[in-house]
Protein backbone atom coordinates (compact mmCIF):
# COMPACT_ATOMS: atom_id res chain seq x y z
CA MET A 1 -0.01 0.11 0.20
CA ALA A 2 1.44 3.53 -0.80
CA THR A 3 0.67 6.78 0.60
CA GLY A 4 1.40 10.17 -0.11
CA GLY A 5 4.64 12.15 -0.05
CA GLY A 6 6.58 9.23 -1.30
CA LEU A 7 6.00 6.78 1.47
CA THR A 8 4.89 3.32 1.16
CA ILE A 9 3.12 1.45 3.92
CA LEU A 10 4.47 -2.25 4.24
CA ASP A 11 1.32 -3.91 5.68
CA GLY A 12 1.81 -7.63 4.06
CA SER A 13 0.00 -7.16 0.64
CA GLN A 14 3.36 -7.12 -0.97
CA LEU A 15 4.01 -10.85 0.28
CA ARG A 16 0.66 -11.92 -0.50
CA GLY A 17 -0.45 -10.30 -4.03
CA ALA A 18 1.68 -12.51 -6.19
CA GLU A 19 2.00 -16.23 -6.46
CA LEU A 20 4.99 -17.71 -4.17
CA HIS A 21 7.57 -19.60 -5.89
CA PRO A 22 10.51 -19.25 -3.57
CA VAL A 23 13.93 -20.19 -4.69
CA VAL A 24 15.39 -22.91 -2.44
CA PRO A 25 19.03 -24.28 -1.83
CA ASP A 26 20.09 -27.67 -3.40
CA GLY A 27 20.80 -30.42 -0.95
CA ALA A 28 20.26 -30.68 2.77
CA VAL A 29 20.24 -27.40 5.01
CA THR A 30 19.22 -26.61 8.47
CA GLY A 31 15.85 -24.76 9.37
CA ALA A 32 18.26 -21.83 10.22
CA ARG A 33 19.69 -21.49 6.85
CA LEU A 34 16.53 -22.15 5.24
CA LEU A 35 14.97 -18.88 6.86
CA GLN A 36 18.01 -16.96 5.48
CA TYR A 37 16.71 -17.95 1.98
CA ALA A 38 13.37 -16.93 3.21
CA ASP A 39 14.53 -13.67 4.63
CA SER A 40 16.05 -12.93 1.19
CA GLU A 41 12.97 -13.71 -0.81
CA ALA A 42 11.07 -11.46 1.51
CA ALA A 43 13.85 -8.38 0.88
CA ALA A 44 13.14 -9.29 -2.81
CA ARG A 45 9.53 -8.47 -2.30
CA LEU A 46 9.76 -5.46 -0.10
CA PHE A 47 12.01 -3.08 -2.25
CA GLY A 48 15.32 -4.58 -0.94
CA ILE A 49 14.41 -3.99 3.14
CA VAL A 50 15.78 -6.24 5.52
CA LEU A 51 12.78 -6.25 8.07
CA PRO A 52 13.64 -5.91 11.76
CA GLU A 53 14.81 -8.66 13.70
CA SER A 54 11.85 -8.32 16.20
CA LEU A 55 9.37 -8.61 13.42
CA ARG A 56 11.09 -11.56 11.66
CA SER A 57 11.18 -13.23 15.33
CA ALA A 58 7.43 -12.54 15.73
CA ALA A 59 6.96 -14.09 12.39
CA ARG A 60 8.96 -17.40 13.33
CA ARG A 61 7.04 -17.88 16.52
CA ARG A 62 3.71 -17.37 14.38
CA MET A 63 4.91 -20.37 12.15
CA VAL A 64 6.65 -22.68 14.61
CA GLY A 65 6.17 -21.29 17.96
CA ASP A 66 8.92 -20.88 20.80
CA GLY A 67 11.93 -22.65 20.83
CA ASP A 68 14.94 -23.69 18.47
CA ARG A 69 13.64 -27.38 17.24
CA PHE A 70 12.77 -25.89 13.81
CA LEU A 71 16.10 -23.89 13.66
CA GLU A 72 17.89 -27.11 13.99
CA GLN A 73 15.95 -29.42 11.84
CA ASP A 74 17.22 -30.71 8.72
CA PHE A 75 15.51 -30.20 5.47
CA ASP A 76 16.54 -32.15 2.31
CA ASP A 77 13.42 -32.04 0.04
CA ALA A 78 12.79 -29.22 -2.15
CA ASP A 79 8.88 -29.31 -1.97
CA SER A 80 8.94 -29.32 1.91
CA MET A 81 11.53 -26.39 1.89
CA LYS A 82 9.42 -24.43 -0.55
CA ARG A 83 6.33 -25.00 1.75
CA LYS A 84 8.13 -23.65 4.88
CA VAL A 85 9.44 -20.53 2.87
CA CYS A 86 5.88 -20.05 1.95
CA GLU A 87 4.57 -20.54 5.44
CA TYR A 88 7.44 -18.13 6.62
CA LEU A 89 6.68 -15.18 4.15
CA LEU A 90 2.75 -15.56 5.31
CA ALA A 91 3.73 -15.55 8.47
CA LEU A 92 5.75 -12.04 7.93
CA ALA A 93 2.57 -10.80 6.16
CA ASP A 94 0.20 -11.57 9.20
CA GLU A 95 2.88 -9.98 11.57
CA LEU A 96 3.25 -6.85 8.94
CA ALA A 97 -0.72 -6.64 8.79
CA ASP A 98 -0.59 -6.26 12.57
CA ASN A 99 2.43 -4.13 12.94
CA PRO A 100 2.85 -2.28 9.49
CA LEU A 101 6.55 -0.63 8.54
CA VAL A 102 6.56 2.66 6.53
CA ILE A 103 9.30 3.08 3.91
CA SER A 104 10.59 5.51 1.48
CA ALA A 105 12.86 5.79 -1.31
CA LEU A 106 15.62 8.29 -0.52
CA ASP A 107 16.39 9.55 -4.40
CA GLY A 108 17.82 13.12 -3.64
CA SER A 109 14.39 14.61 -4.44
CA ALA A 110 13.61 15.77 -0.93
CA LEU A 111 17.27 17.47 -0.85
CA GLN A 112 16.75 19.17 -3.94
CA VAL A 113 13.53 20.83 -2.53
CA PHE A 114 15.94 22.41 -0.19
CA LEU A 115 18.93 22.94 -2.61
CA GLU A 116 16.89 24.86 -5.34
CA ASP A 117 14.92 27.22 -2.85
CA GLU A 118 17.55 30.09 -1.29
CA ASP A 119 15.40 30.57 1.50
CA ASP A 120 14.44 27.34 2.45
CA PHE A 121 17.99 26.19 2.59
CA ALA A 122 19.06 29.13 4.43
CA MET A 123 16.36 28.59 7.22
CA LEU A 124 17.41 24.72 7.30
CA ALA A 125 21.31 25.64 7.55
CA GLU A 126 20.29 28.34 10.51
CA ASN A 127 18.15 25.87 12.22
CA LEU A 128 20.67 23.08 12.21
CA PHE A 129 23.64 25.54 13.08
CA THR A 130 21.55 26.88 16.23
CA ASP A 131 20.58 23.24 17.27
CA LEU A 132 23.99 22.24 17.17
CA ASP A 133 25.70 25.34 18.83
CA ALA A 134 25.46 24.20 22.27
CA ASP A 135 27.55 26.65 23.83
CA ASP A 136 25.98 29.39 21.77
CA ASN A 137 29.32 30.94 20.66
CA GLY A 138 28.56 31.24 16.97
CA LYS A 139 31.09 28.80 15.79
CA LEU A 140 30.90 25.09 14.78
CA THR A 141 33.87 22.59 14.18
CA LYS A 142 33.87 20.94 10.52
CA LYS A 143 33.04 17.66 12.17
CA GLU A 144 29.76 18.90 13.27
CA ILE A 145 28.26 18.82 9.58
CA GLN A 146 28.15 14.87 10.52
CA ASN A 147 25.69 15.64 13.15
CA ALA A 148 23.91 18.08 11.05
CA LEU A 149 23.21 15.10 8.63
CA ALA A 150 22.18 12.94 11.45
CA LEU A 151 19.67 15.70 12.57
CA MET A 152 18.49 15.81 9.03
CA GLY A 153 17.67 11.87 8.89
CA PRO A 154 15.67 10.05 6.32
CA GLU A 155 12.37 12.36 6.91
CA MET A 156 14.51 15.04 5.05
CA GLY A 157 16.16 12.55 2.76
CA VAL A 158 19.50 11.97 4.46
CA PRO A 159 20.30 8.09 4.79
CA PRO A 160 21.09 7.21 8.34
CA PHE A 161 24.61 6.38 9.57
CA SER A 162 23.80 3.14 10.40
CA GLY A 163 24.10 1.21 7.30
CA TYR A 164 24.97 4.01 5.08
CA SER A 165 28.24 5.27 7.16
CA ASP A 166 30.90 4.34 4.26
CA LEU A 167 28.48 6.84 1.51
CA LEU A 168 28.11 9.60 3.89
CA ASN A 169 31.81 9.50 5.41
CA ASN A 170 33.01 9.27 1.79
CA ILE A 171 31.26 12.53 0.92
CA LEU A 172 32.35 14.20 4.18
CA LYS A 173 35.80 13.37 3.58
CA LYS A 174 35.72 14.50 -0.09
CA HIS A 175 34.73 17.97 1.22
CA GLY A 176 36.96 18.19 4.13
CA ALA A 177 34.33 18.00 6.58
CA GLU A 178 36.44 16.50 9.45
CA GLY A 179 38.48 17.82 12.09
CA ASP A 180 38.34 20.82 14.79
CA GLU A 181 38.71 23.70 12.40
CA GLN A 182 35.92 26.29 13.12
CA LEU A 183 33.23 27.59 10.98
CA GLY A 184 30.96 30.67 11.45
CA GLN A 185 27.13 30.19 10.32
CA ALA A 186 27.83 31.13 6.48
CA GLN A 187 30.87 28.92 6.26
CA PHE A 188 28.79 25.98 7.69
CA ALA A 189 25.85 26.80 5.49
CA GLN A 190 28.23 27.04 2.31
CA LEU A 191 29.95 23.37 3.28
CA LEU A 192 26.50 22.12 4.13
CA GLN A 193 25.31 22.82 0.70
CA LEU A 194 28.18 21.30 -1.43
CA ILE A 195 27.74 18.07 0.61
CA LEU A 196 23.93 17.90 0.32
CA GLN A 197 24.26 18.72 -3.56
CA ASP A 198 26.80 15.92 -3.68
CA LEU A 199 24.60 13.57 -1.57
CA ALA A 200 21.35 14.30 -3.62
CA ASP A 201 23.35 13.66 -7.00
CA VAL A 202 24.56 10.23 -5.26
CA LEU A 203 21.06 9.44 -4.35
CA ALA A 204 19.43 10.24 -7.86
CA GLU A 205 21.68 7.52 -9.35
CA LYS A 206 21.15 5.04 -7.02
CA PRO A 207 18.29 5.62 -4.52
CA ILE A 208 18.11 4.01 -0.96
CA VAL A 209 15.13 2.84 0.61
CA VAL A 210 14.89 2.98 4.35
CA ILE A 211 12.36 2.44 7.31
CA GLN A 212 10.82 5.59 8.43
CA ASN A 213 10.60 6.07 12.35
CA VAL A 214 6.79 6.26 12.16
CA LYS A 215 4.00 4.07 13.21
CA VAL A 216 1.00 3.10 11.35
CA ALA A 217 -2.40 3.38 13.00
CA ASN A 218 -4.52 0.82 10.58
CA GLY A 219 -7.30 -0.52 13.15
CA SER A 220 -5.15 -3.54 13.13
CA LYS A 221 -5.26 -3.99 17.33
CA ILE A 222 -9.19 -3.19 17.24
CA LYS A 223 -9.77 -5.98 14.65
CA LEU A 224 -7.74 -8.27 16.87
CA LEU A 225 -10.29 -7.46 19.85
CA LEU A 226 -13.36 -7.77 17.92
CA ASN A 227 -12.19 -11.41 16.57
CA ASN A 228 -11.64 -12.28 20.17
CA GLU A 229 -14.51 -12.33 22.25
CA GLU A 230 -12.54 -13.19 25.50
CA LEU A 231 -10.31 -9.97 24.99
CA LEU A 232 -13.39 -8.06 23.91
CA ASP A 233 -15.50 -8.52 26.54
CA ARG A 234 -12.34 -7.81 29.04
CA GLU A 235 -11.68 -4.42 27.60
CA ILE A 236 -15.16 -3.34 27.12
CA GLU A 237 -15.67 -4.36 30.80
CA SER A 238 -12.65 -1.86 31.81
CA MET A 239 -14.16 0.55 29.61
CA PHE A 240 -17.54 0.55 31.23
CA GLU A 241 -16.16 0.92 34.44
CA ASP A 242 -14.18 4.06 33.42
CA TRP A 243 -17.24 5.32 31.76
CA ASN A 244 -19.41 5.10 35.21
CA ALA A 245 -16.77 6.71 37.03
CA LYS A 246 -16.93 9.63 34.91
CA LYS A 247 -19.82 11.65 35.80
CA HIS A 248 -19.81 14.91 33.76
CA GLY A 249 -19.76 15.73 30.41
CA GLY A 250 -22.08 14.91 27.39
CA TYR A 251 -22.86 11.53 25.90
CA LYS A 252 -20.62 12.32 22.69
CA ASP A 253 -17.66 13.86 24.51
CA ARG A 254 -17.49 11.17 27.36
CA LEU A 255 -17.25 8.63 24.45
CA GLN A 256 -14.69 10.28 22.77
CA GLU A 257 -12.59 11.06 26.06
CA LEU A 258 -13.26 7.46 26.79
CA PHE A 259 -11.48 6.18 23.56
CA LYS A 260 -8.74 8.76 23.74
CA ALA A 261 -7.93 7.46 27.11
CA LYS A 262 -7.73 3.89 25.82
CA ARG A 263 -5.81 5.09 22.51
CA LEU A 264 -2.90 2.93 23.27
CA GLU A 265 -4.36 -0.14 24.00
CA LEU A 266 -6.91 0.36 21.02
CA GLY A 267 -3.79 1.22 18.72
CA LEU A 268 -5.77 4.65 18.02
CA PRO A 269 -3.45 7.90 16.97
CA PRO A 270 -3.00 10.91 19.25
CA THR A 271 -5.17 13.71 18.06
CA GLU A 272 -2.51 16.50 19.26
CA SER A 273 -0.80 18.29 16.33
CA ASN A 274 -2.54 15.34 14.19
CA GLU A 275 -5.39 16.90 11.89
CA ALA A 276 -6.15 13.56 10.23
CA ALA A 277 -6.63 11.92 13.88
CA ALA A 278 -8.85 14.93 14.71
CA TYR A 279 -10.78 14.29 11.83
CA LEU A 280 -11.24 10.69 12.34
CA TYR A 281 -12.66 11.51 15.62
CA ASP A 282 -15.16 14.04 14.33
CA GLN A 283 -16.39 11.60 11.59
CA VAL A 284 -16.54 8.57 13.91
CA PHE A 285 -18.23 10.13 16.80
CA SER A 286 -20.38 12.79 14.82
CA GLY A 287 -23.51 10.10 14.61
CA THR A 288 -23.58 8.84 17.79
CA GLY A 289 -26.74 10.60 18.84
CA GLU A 290 -27.94 10.58 22.38
CA VAL A 291 -29.11 8.38 24.83
CA ASP A 292 -29.77 8.62 28.62
CA ILE A 293 -26.50 8.18 30.36
CA GLU A 294 -28.14 7.33 33.65
CA ASP A 295 -29.66 4.61 32.46
CA LEU A 296 -27.20 2.83 29.93
CA THR A 297 -26.71 -0.82 30.81
CA ARG A 298 -23.87 -2.49 30.12
CA ASP A 299 -25.22 -4.67 27.16
CA ALA A 300 -26.35 -1.26 25.52
CA PHE A 301 -22.96 0.16 26.51
CA GLN A 302 -21.10 -2.87 24.56
CA ALA A 303 -23.33 -2.63 21.53
CA ILE A 304 -22.34 1.19 21.16
CA VAL A 305 -18.57 0.44 21.70
CA LYS A 306 -18.62 -2.41 19.29
CA ASP A 307 -20.32 -0.45 16.61
CA LEU A 308 -17.83 2.61 17.21
CA MET A 309 -14.90 0.19 16.99
CA LYS A 310 -16.25 -1.35 13.50
CA LYS A 311 -16.64 2.44 12.02
CA ILE A 312 -12.79 3.38 13.18
CA VAL A 313 -11.55 -0.05 11.61
CA ASP A 314 -13.43 0.80 8.28
CA ARG A 315 -12.04 4.28 8.06
CA LEU A 316 -8.51 3.37 9.29
CA GLU A 317 -8.08 0.45 6.94
CA GLU A 318 -9.38 2.90 4.26
CA ASN A 319 -6.84 5.62 5.29
CA PRO A 320 -4.17 4.47 7.66
CA ILE A 321 -2.91 7.50 9.78
CA LEU A 322 1.07 7.98 10.34
CA VAL A 323 2.51 8.78 13.71
CA GLU A 324 5.72 9.67 14.78
CA MET A 325 7.28 7.10 17.35
CA GLY A 326 6.82 8.04 20.86
CA SER A 327 3.76 9.86 20.17
């Protein structure tokens, strides 16, 4: 699934859309070795991205449970190996459906936006200089340019140093951005401009795909609740207790506040500084009508909450909301 702004959501659909015909090794291999082939197959279908170990471990648990018996097991039959690779890819797809990743291709275009507008670049350079000038003495050393690139990061079109240190350090060295020679703000901006232009040119020839530091609110947590009656009953019981404890506010406002208070458990985005999230709440709760709050039974409350959950899932599946990590 793709989003605006050059971002793509890896939600598992990329591993389901095409018929799976994985390449497997000749001869006998262990389960651990077979998973390496499976990870390579996944990366080939996911724009070259190597998925985080936490996600891959979760997919392995979905497939074979805990323990290392599968990893030590020997496989020598091509058909059985292909089946296991396919099982793993589908387990990855399930994990990504519940915990999507957001990626973007760094192709230099984001950097060119700054470089082609003098005012935008001047503001960028000034902000970076100010952030890095901790002593407020109006001077930075040349080697601080590396920290400026780290501050920009993938969100502004710069690859992370982890994984791409050779590329970035070669460009820094080429332009003499090392050592303790001090620069004023104008000199800092001039050197930064040369480095960013060089980096933009390199990325234009060979783009880099990176995982962005954002989460995706797509309704997956609520779907898990709706598909598990025991968990759903437990959550609604907790919400009903909170509802009865809150004695002020109108019906619609109380419902909204209840869902916002439970947003982490429900996988909902925060509304602060997020227009898409605020719009989601407005749309979902605008048609709730009114009921007699004092006589609201537990069963009636459950029906209302389940209906709201389904509406939220429908909207988030259609329009997922991106949330910065830590929000």
